[in-house]
Amino acid sequence: MKLIIINGPNLNLLGVREPLVYGNQSFEEYLKELKKKFPSVQLEYFQSNVEGEIINQLQEVGFSYDGIILNAGGY
């Protein structure tokens, strides 16, 4: 199975911004844990603070993945 996780605005600041609210773990660290927990799943990751870039990425990956997990953040 091949999945892509697409994160929206400010999710690049996980682990840095308000760690008492959002935790002190970056998304990259979390992604490593996911890959260990689900070794049979090919996980890829994209993050942007720009809405148009997120839409472009969604259209680029289109139907080449088994699924897309979109965490659109503030959108």
C-alpha atoms as a PDB file:
ATOM      1  CA  MET A   1       0.000   0.000   0.000  1.00  0.00           C
ATOM      2  CA  LYS A   2       1.264   3.451  -0.915  1.00  0.00           C
ATOM      3  CA  LEU A   3       0.021   6.505   1.030  1.00  0.00           C
ATOM      4  CA  ILE A   4       0.988  10.150   1.070  1.00  0.00           C
ATOM      5  CA  ILE A   5       0.425  12.479   3.993  1.00  0.00           C
ATOM      6  CA  ILE A   6      -0.076  16.089   2.957  1.00  0.00           C
ATOM      7  CA  ASN A   7       0.122  18.657   5.738  1.00  0.00           C
ATOM      8  CA  GLY A   8      -0.993  22.251   5.464  1.00  0.00           C
ATOM      9  CA  PRO A   9      -0.004  25.529   7.121  1.00  0.00           C
ATOM     10  CA  ASN A  10       2.126  25.673  10.241  1.00  0.00           C
ATOM     11  CA  LEU A  11       2.473  21.904  10.551  1.00  0.00           C
ATOM     12  CA  ASN A  12       6.160  22.369   9.742  1.00  0.00           C
ATOM     13  CA  LEU A  13       6.376  23.991  13.192  1.00  0.00           C
ATOM     14  CA  LEU A  14       5.353  20.886  15.150  1.00  0.00           C
ATOM     15  CA  GLY A  15       7.775  20.369  17.991  1.00  0.00           C
ATOM     16  CA  VAL A  16       8.764  24.039  17.998  1.00  0.00           C
ATOM     17  CA  ARG A  17       5.591  26.137  18.181  1.00  0.00           C
ATOM     18  CA  GLU A  18       3.733  25.969  21.499  1.00  0.00           C
ATOM     19  CA  PRO A  19       5.147  22.592  22.605  1.00  0.00           C
ATOM     20  CA  LEU A  20       2.885  22.581  25.669  1.00  0.00           C
ATOM     21  CA  VAL A  21      -0.115  22.553  23.320  1.00  0.00           C
ATOM     22  CA  TYR A  22       1.178  20.652  20.264  1.00  0.00           C
ATOM     23  CA  GLY A  23       3.958  18.543  21.807  1.00  0.00           C
ATOM     24  CA  ASN A  24       7.701  18.650  21.280  1.00  0.00           C
ATOM     25  CA  GLN A  25       7.916  16.086  18.479  1.00  0.00           C
ATOM     26  CA  SER A  26       8.441  17.221  14.891  1.00  0.00           C
ATOM     27  CA  PHE A  27       6.362  15.667  12.150  1.00  0.00           C
ATOM     28  CA  GLU A  28       9.497  14.116  10.692  1.00  0.00           C
ATOM     29  CA  GLU A  29      10.068  12.285  13.995  1.00  0.00           C
ATOM     30  CA  TYR A  30       6.438  11.171  14.040  1.00  0.00           C
ATOM     31  CA  LEU A  31       6.721   9.964  10.426  1.00  0.00           C
ATOM     32  CA  LYS A  32       9.685   7.765  11.382  1.00  0.00           C
ATOM     33  CA  GLU A  33       7.529   6.170  14.087  1.00  0.00           C
ATOM     34  CA  LEU A  34       4.680   5.593  11.618  1.00  0.00           C
ATOM     35  CA  LYS A  35       7.052   3.919   9.160  1.00  0.00           C
ATOM     36  CA  LYS A  36       8.329   1.609  11.911  1.00  0.00           C
ATOM     37  CA  LYS A  37       4.808   0.785  13.069  1.00  0.00           C
ATOM     38  CA  PHE A  38       3.521   0.113   9.531  1.00  0.00           C
ATOM     39  CA  PRO A  39       6.486  -1.322   7.588  1.00  0.00           C
ATOM     40  CA  SER A  40       4.284  -2.768   4.838  1.00  0.00           C
ATOM     41  CA  VAL A  41       2.931   0.694   3.982  1.00  0.00           C
ATOM     42  CA  GLN A  42       4.989   2.973   1.766  1.00  0.00           C
ATOM     43  CA  LEU A  43       4.524   6.385   3.412  1.00  0.00           C
ATOM     44  CA  GLU A  44       5.493   9.651   1.797  1.00  0.00           C
ATOM     45  CA  TYR A  45       5.097  13.176   3.103  1.00  0.00           C
ATOM     46  CA  PHE A  46       4.542  16.687   1.763  1.00  0.00           C
ATOM     47  CA  GLN A  47       3.984  19.931   3.665  1.00  0.00           C
ATOM     48  CA  SER A  48       3.327  23.463   2.478  1.00  0.00           C
ATOM     49  CA  ASN A  49       2.109  26.721   3.919  1.00  0.00           C
ATOM     50  CA  VAL A  50       0.786  27.711   0.485  1.00  0.00           C
ATOM     51  CA  GLU A  51      -2.700  26.565  -0.529  1.00  0.00           C
ATOM     52  CA  GLY A  52      -1.856  26.435  -4.239  1.00  0.00           C
ATOM     53  CA  GLU A  53       1.136  24.176  -3.614  1.00  0.00           C
ATOM     54  CA  ILE A  54      -1.074  21.767  -1.645  1.00  0.00           C
ATOM     55  CA  ILE A  55      -3.602  21.677  -4.495  1.00  0.00           C
ATOM     56  CA  ASN A  56      -0.812  21.137  -7.028  1.00  0.00           C
ATOM     57  CA  GLN A  57       0.551  18.247  -4.948  1.00  0.00           C
ATOM     58  CA  LEU A  58      -2.911  16.663  -4.667  1.00  0.00           C
ATOM     59  CA  GLN A  59      -3.330  16.834  -8.429  1.00  0.00           C
ATOM     60  CA  GLU A  60       0.232  15.636  -9.080  1.00  0.00           C
ATOM     61  CA  VAL A  61      -0.134  12.475  -6.984  1.00  0.00           C
ATOM     62  CA  GLY A  62      -3.738  12.046  -8.108  1.00  0.00           C
ATOM     63  CA  PHE A  63      -4.439   8.384  -8.591  1.00  0.00           C
ATOM     64  CA  SER A  64      -0.866   7.113  -8.268  1.00  0.00           C
ATOM     65  CA  TYR A  65      -1.342   6.412  -4.539  1.00  0.00           C
ATOM     66  CA  ASP A  66      -3.719   4.069  -2.754  1.00  0.00           C
ATOM     67  CA  GLY A  67      -4.708   6.927  -0.479  1.00  0.00           C
ATOM     68  CA  ILE A  68      -4.051  10.514   0.512  1.00  0.00           C
ATOM     69  CA  ILE A  69      -4.217  11.720   4.100  1.00  0.00           C
ATOM     70  CA  LEU A  70      -4.812  15.472   4.056  1.00  0.00           C
ATOM     71  CA  ASN A  71      -4.316  17.451   7.234  1.00  0.00           C
ATOM     72  CA  ALA A  72      -5.158  20.860   5.866  1.00  0.00           C
ATOM     73  CA  GLY A  73      -4.317  22.699   9.077  1.00  0.00           C
ATOM     74  CA  GLY A  74      -5.855  26.162   9.082  1.00  0.00           C
ATOM     75  CA  TYR A  75      -7.658  25.694   5.764  1.00  0.00           C
END
